[in-house]
């Protein structure tokens, strides 16, 4: 029992015709058009699953999905309550984790290069990508450690409407 609620079994789909290793959920998520064409789609899908696992429990699934719920207009944060899963801060943390693949709390030059390669594919040379990654790190890196911390990441995207960009309208 966690949070006063009974544990729920892992989300499983029966094997049905396809060779999905029993994990139809991951297969179904890969079939969502917006995720299929998103260069970071696989990383977003993998956020639903614990490292090295092919199944997820319902609670974990909902926690990830909740980040994409649109924020309610004009609702101020109540004091003394936990940060909502769909808050700007939570959405920023989720986005940061898409870059910070080794979970060390920093986006390194190599991690930035990996994301850039996913986003632009073969349209840009490796040298150009390296320059873009280096410049991005230089512009965001306030403490001069050669990497981007979560705080630096949040400051560098502060003018972006993360609340809108990371919302699924069907969850309103």
C-alpha atoms as a PDB file:
ATOM      1  CA  UNK A   1       0.000   0.000   0.000  1.00  0.00           C
ATOM      2  CA  UNK A   2       1.383   3.392  -1.025  1.00  0.00           C
ATOM      3  CA  UNK A   3      -0.165   6.843  -0.491  1.00  0.00           C
ATOM      4  CA  UNK A   4      -3.053   5.100   1.298  1.00  0.00           C
ATOM      5  CA  UNK A   5      -3.960   3.298  -1.929  1.00  0.00           C
ATOM      6  CA  UNK A   6      -3.524  -0.401  -2.667  1.00  0.00           C
ATOM      7  CA  UNK A   7      -0.783  -1.387  -5.112  1.00  0.00           C
ATOM      8  CA  UNK A   8      -2.078  -1.933  -8.617  1.00  0.00           C
ATOM      9  CA  UNK A   9      -0.732  -4.657 -10.907  1.00  0.00           C
ATOM     10  CA  UNK A  10       1.506  -3.752 -13.861  1.00  0.00           C
ATOM     11  CA  UNK A  11      -0.223  -2.574 -17.025  1.00  0.00           C
ATOM     12  CA  UNK A  12      -0.190  -5.581 -19.359  1.00  0.00           C
ATOM     13  CA  UNK A  13      -1.885  -6.342 -22.611  1.00  0.00           C
ATOM     14  CA  UNK A  14      -2.432  -9.877 -23.801  1.00  0.00           C
ATOM     15  CA  UNK A  15      -0.335 -10.995 -26.714  1.00  0.00           C
ATOM     16  CA  UNK A  16      -2.449 -10.514 -29.764  1.00  0.00           C
ATOM     17  CA  UNK A  17      -1.084 -11.350 -33.170  1.00  0.00           C
ATOM     18  CA  UNK A  18       1.933  -9.050 -33.049  1.00  0.00           C
ATOM     19  CA  UNK A  19       5.441  -9.737 -31.888  1.00  0.00           C
ATOM     20  CA  UNK A  20       5.488  -7.132 -29.123  1.00  0.00           C
ATOM     21  CA  UNK A  21       6.924  -9.367 -26.426  1.00  0.00           C
ATOM     22  CA  UNK A  22       3.727  -8.955 -24.410  1.00  0.00           C
ATOM     23  CA  UNK A  23       4.182  -5.194 -24.201  1.00  0.00           C
ATOM     24  CA  UNK A  24       1.424  -3.771 -26.290  1.00  0.00           C
ATOM     25  CA  UNK A  25       1.469  -0.484 -24.350  1.00  0.00           C
ATOM     26  CA  UNK A  26       4.893   0.526 -25.680  1.00  0.00           C
ATOM     27  CA  UNK A  27       3.830  -0.552 -29.162  1.00  0.00           C
ATOM     28  CA  UNK A  28       0.597   1.470 -28.905  1.00  0.00           C
ATOM     29  CA  UNK A  29       2.462   4.555 -27.688  1.00  0.00           C
ATOM     30  CA  UNK A  30       4.802   4.264 -30.670  1.00  0.00           C
ATOM     31  CA  UNK A  31       1.719   4.337 -32.909  1.00  0.00           C
ATOM     32  CA  UNK A  32       0.614   7.785 -31.705  1.00  0.00           C
ATOM     33  CA  UNK A  33       1.255  10.100 -34.640  1.00  0.00           C
ATOM     34  CA  UNK A  34       2.730  12.988 -32.656  1.00  0.00           C
ATOM     35  CA  UNK A  35       5.146  10.658 -30.887  1.00  0.00           C
ATOM     36  CA  UNK A  36       5.992   8.721 -34.033  1.00  0.00           C
ATOM     37  CA  UNK A  37       7.194  11.878 -35.819  1.00  0.00           C
ATOM     38  CA  UNK A  38       8.739  13.530 -32.757  1.00  0.00           C
ATOM     39  CA  UNK A  39      12.519  13.093 -32.800  1.00  0.00           C
ATOM     40  CA  UNK A  40      12.390  12.608 -29.027  1.00  0.00           C
ATOM     41  CA  UNK A  41       9.382  10.278 -29.213  1.00  0.00           C
ATOM     42  CA  UNK A  42      11.306   7.201 -28.078  1.00  0.00           C
ATOM     43  CA  UNK A  43      12.690   9.084 -25.084  1.00  0.00           C
ATOM     44  CA  UNK A  44       9.208  10.300 -24.167  1.00  0.00           C
ATOM     45  CA  UNK A  45       7.811   6.779 -24.468  1.00  0.00           C
ATOM     46  CA  UNK A  46      10.675   5.354 -22.403  1.00  0.00           C
ATOM     47  CA  UNK A  47       9.826   7.825 -19.610  1.00  0.00           C
ATOM     48  CA  UNK A  48       6.717   5.706 -18.951  1.00  0.00           C
ATOM     49  CA  UNK A  49       8.906   2.705 -18.088  1.00  0.00           C
ATOM     50  CA  UNK A  50      11.511   2.212 -15.385  1.00  0.00           C
ATOM     51  CA  UNK A  51      15.064   1.670 -16.591  1.00  0.00           C
ATOM     52  CA  UNK A  52      15.391  -1.735 -18.236  1.00  0.00           C
ATOM     53  CA  UNK A  53      11.740  -2.690 -17.713  1.00  0.00           C
ATOM     54  CA  UNK A  54       9.153  -3.380 -20.371  1.00  0.00           C
ATOM     55  CA  UNK A  55       6.124  -3.024 -18.092  1.00  0.00           C
ATOM     56  CA  UNK A  56       4.796  -0.179 -15.987  1.00  0.00           C
ATOM     57  CA  UNK A  57       2.229   0.017 -13.258  1.00  0.00           C
ATOM     58  CA  UNK A  58      -0.856   2.165 -13.614  1.00  0.00           C
ATOM     59  CA  UNK A  59       0.261   4.716 -11.007  1.00  0.00           C
ATOM     60  CA  UNK A  60       3.607   5.312 -12.779  1.00  0.00           C
ATOM     61  CA  UNK A  61       1.873   5.575 -16.142  1.00  0.00           C
ATOM     62  CA  UNK A  62      -0.566   8.201 -14.832  1.00  0.00           C
ATOM     63  CA  UNK A  63       2.208  10.182 -13.156  1.00  0.00           C
ATOM     64  CA  UNK A  64       4.011  10.616 -16.475  1.00  0.00           C
ATOM     65  CA  UNK A  65       0.796  11.306 -18.376  1.00  0.00           C
ATOM     66  CA  UNK A  66      -0.289  13.893 -15.783  1.00  0.00           C
ATOM     67  CA  UNK A  67       2.621  16.140 -16.777  1.00  0.00           C
ATOM     68  CA  UNK A  68       0.968  16.647 -20.152  1.00  0.00           C
ATOM     69  CA  UNK A  69      -2.354  17.807 -18.718  1.00  0.00           C
ATOM     70  CA  UNK A  70      -3.002  21.469 -19.586  1.00  0.00           C
ATOM     71  CA  UNK A  71      -2.729  23.874 -16.693  1.00  0.00           C
ATOM     72  CA  UNK A  72      -5.960  25.474 -15.599  1.00  0.00           C
ATOM     73  CA  UNK A  73      -6.119  29.163 -16.419  1.00  0.00           C
ATOM     74  CA  UNK A  74      -6.150  31.616 -13.539  1.00  0.00           C
ATOM     75  CA  UNK A  75      -5.528  28.991 -10.884  1.00  0.00           C
ATOM     76  CA  UNK A  76      -2.849  30.098  -8.471  1.00  0.00           C
ATOM     77  CA  UNK A  77      -0.686  27.624  -6.609  1.00  0.00           C
ATOM     78  CA  UNK A  78      -2.082  26.853  -3.209  1.00  0.00           C
ATOM     79  CA  UNK A  79       0.461  27.064  -0.407  1.00  0.00           C
ATOM     80  CA  UNK A  80       1.204  23.977   1.632  1.00  0.00           C
ATOM     81  CA  UNK A  81       0.191  21.609  -1.172  1.00  0.00           C
ATOM     82  CA  UNK A  82       2.597  19.567  -3.283  1.00  0.00           C
ATOM     83  CA  UNK A  83       3.590  20.878  -6.697  1.00  0.00           C
ATOM     84  CA  UNK A  84       1.014  19.668  -9.268  1.00  0.00           C
ATOM     85  CA  UNK A  85       2.304  17.157 -11.812  1.00  0.00           C
ATOM     86  CA  UNK A  86       1.314  19.503 -14.640  1.00  0.00           C
ATOM     87  CA  UNK A  87       3.062  22.588 -13.203  1.00  0.00           C
ATOM     88  CA  UNK A  88       5.634  24.497 -15.211  1.00  0.00           C
ATOM     89  CA  UNK A  89       8.353  23.198 -12.889  1.00  0.00           C
ATOM     90  CA  UNK A  90       7.300  19.573 -13.388  1.00  0.00           C
ATOM     91  CA  UNK A  91       7.090  20.005 -17.161  1.00  0.00           C
ATOM     92  CA  UNK A  92      10.570  21.563 -17.180  1.00  0.00           C
ATOM     93  CA  UNK A  93      11.966  18.686 -15.115  1.00  0.00           C
ATOM     94  CA  UNK A  94      10.477  16.184 -17.553  1.00  0.00           C
ATOM     95  CA  UNK A  95      11.954  18.049 -20.543  1.00  0.00           C
ATOM     96  CA  UNK A  96      15.334  18.299 -18.784  1.00  0.00           C
ATOM     97  CA  UNK A  97      15.355  14.534 -18.223  1.00  0.00           C
ATOM     98  CA  UNK A  98      14.888  13.958 -21.961  1.00  0.00           C
ATOM     99  CA  UNK A  99      18.319  15.571 -22.433  1.00  0.00           C
ATOM    100  CA  UNK A 100      20.028  14.338 -19.233  1.00  0.00           C
ATOM    101  CA  UNK A 101      20.197  10.679 -20.213  1.00  0.00           C
ATOM    102  CA  UNK A 102      22.736   9.661 -17.567  1.00  0.00           C
ATOM    103  CA  UNK A 103      20.661  11.335 -14.814  1.00  0.00           C
ATOM    104  CA  UNK A 104      23.634  13.180 -13.351  1.00  0.00           C
ATOM    105  CA  UNK A 105      21.732  16.481 -13.083  1.00  0.00           C
ATOM    106  CA  UNK A 106      23.621  18.062 -15.989  1.00  0.00           C
ATOM    107  CA  UNK A 107      23.247  18.195 -19.751  1.00  0.00           C
ATOM    108  CA  UNK A 108      26.704  17.525 -21.128  1.00  0.00           C
ATOM    109  CA  UNK A 109      27.998  18.446 -24.552  1.00  0.00           C
ATOM    110  CA  UNK A 110      27.646  14.803 -25.649  1.00  0.00           C
ATOM    111  CA  UNK A 111      24.042  14.611 -24.417  1.00  0.00           C
ATOM    112  CA  UNK A 112      23.256  17.848 -26.273  1.00  0.00           C
ATOM    113  CA  UNK A 113      24.842  16.375 -29.410  1.00  0.00           C
ATOM    114  CA  UNK A 114      22.703  13.225 -29.109  1.00  0.00           C
ATOM    115  CA  UNK A 115      19.510  15.284 -28.970  1.00  0.00           C
ATOM    116  CA  UNK A 116      20.600  17.515 -31.850  1.00  0.00           C
ATOM    117  CA  UNK A 117      21.361  14.440 -33.983  1.00  0.00           C
ATOM    118  CA  UNK A 118      17.889  13.090 -33.241  1.00  0.00           C
ATOM    119  CA  UNK A 119      16.285  16.405 -34.125  1.00  0.00           C
ATOM    120  CA  UNK A 120      18.082  17.228 -37.368  1.00  0.00           C
ATOM    121  CA  UNK A 121      19.197  13.835 -38.607  1.00  0.00           C
ATOM    122  CA  UNK A 122      21.584  13.960 -41.551  1.00  0.00           C
ATOM    123  CA  UNK A 123      20.613  17.450 -42.680  1.00  0.00           C
ATOM    124  CA  UNK A 124      23.519  19.007 -40.763  1.00  0.00           C
ATOM    125  CA  UNK A 125      27.149  17.882 -40.618  1.00  0.00           C
ATOM    126  CA  UNK A 126      28.742  16.588 -37.417  1.00  0.00           C
ATOM    127  CA  UNK A 127      30.979  19.666 -37.333  1.00  0.00           C
ATOM    128  CA  UNK A 128      27.968  21.976 -37.532  1.00  0.00           C
ATOM    129  CA  UNK A 129      26.183  20.017 -34.807  1.00  0.00           C
ATOM    130  CA  UNK A 130      29.273  20.197 -32.591  1.00  0.00           C
ATOM    131  CA  UNK A 131      29.342  23.988 -33.028  1.00  0.00           C
ATOM    132  CA  UNK A 132      25.634  24.270 -32.209  1.00  0.00           C
ATOM    133  CA  UNK A 133      26.028  22.080 -29.119  1.00  0.00           C
ATOM    134  CA  UNK A 134      29.073  24.041 -27.948  1.00  0.00           C
ATOM    135  CA  UNK A 135      27.360  27.389 -28.447  1.00  0.00           C
ATOM    136  CA  UNK A 136      24.190  26.176 -26.686  1.00  0.00           C
ATOM    137  CA  UNK A 137      26.237  25.020 -23.697  1.00  0.00           C
ATOM    138  CA  UNK A 138      28.194  28.301 -23.619  1.00  0.00           C
ATOM    139  CA  UNK A 139      25.044  30.432 -23.721  1.00  0.00           C
ATOM    140  CA  UNK A 140      23.195  28.501 -21.009  1.00  0.00           C
ATOM    141  CA  UNK A 141      26.135  27.581 -18.745  1.00  0.00           C
ATOM    142  CA  UNK A 142      26.171  30.260 -16.040  1.00  0.00           C
ATOM    143  CA  UNK A 143      28.629  28.610 -13.639  1.00  0.00           C
ATOM    144  CA  UNK A 144      31.271  27.758 -16.268  1.00  0.00           C
ATOM    145  CA  UNK A 145      31.350  23.997 -15.628  1.00  0.00           C
ATOM    146  CA  UNK A 146      30.835  23.129 -19.297  1.00  0.00           C
ATOM    147  CA  UNK A 147      27.381  21.622 -18.771  1.00  0.00           C
ATOM    148  CA  UNK A 148      23.795  22.799 -18.247  1.00  0.00           C
ATOM    149  CA  UNK A 149      22.219  22.257 -14.829  1.00  0.00           C
ATOM    150  CA  UNK A 150      18.463  22.129 -14.337  1.00  0.00           C
ATOM    151  CA  UNK A 151      18.458  25.730 -13.062  1.00  0.00           C
ATOM    152  CA  UNK A 152      20.426  26.896 -16.112  1.00  0.00           C
ATOM    153  CA  UNK A 153      18.092  24.930 -18.381  1.00  0.00           C
ATOM    154  CA  UNK A 154      15.020  26.515 -16.760  1.00  0.00           C
ATOM    155  CA  UNK A 155      16.508  30.000 -17.166  1.00  0.00           C
ATOM    156  CA  UNK A 156      17.386  29.386 -20.824  1.00  0.00           C
ATOM    157  CA  UNK A 157      13.794  28.391 -21.697  1.00  0.00           C
ATOM    158  CA  UNK A 158      12.022  30.831 -19.373  1.00  0.00           C
ATOM    159  CA  UNK A 159      10.449  32.759 -22.280  1.00  0.00           C
ATOM    160  CA  UNK A 160       9.048  29.614 -23.917  1.00  0.00           C
ATOM    161  CA  UNK A 161       5.438  28.742 -23.205  1.00  0.00           C
ATOM    162  CA  UNK A 162       6.234  25.313 -21.786  1.00  0.00           C
ATOM    163  CA  UNK A 163       2.764  25.048 -20.289  1.00  0.00           C
ATOM    164  CA  UNK A 164       1.265  25.171 -23.797  1.00  0.00           C
ATOM    165  CA  UNK A 165       3.945  23.231 -25.659  1.00  0.00           C
ATOM    166  CA  UNK A 166       3.888  20.319 -23.215  1.00  0.00           C
ATOM    167  CA  UNK A 167       0.132  19.879 -23.005  1.00  0.00           C
ATOM    168  CA  UNK A 168      -2.192  17.403 -24.639  1.00  0.00           C
ATOM    169  CA  UNK A 169      -5.588  19.003 -25.195  1.00  0.00           C
ATOM    170  CA  UNK A 170      -7.407  15.692 -24.891  1.00  0.00           C
ATOM    171  CA  UNK A 171      -6.440  15.588 -21.196  1.00  0.00           C
ATOM    172  CA  UNK A 172      -8.253  18.775 -20.235  1.00  0.00           C
END
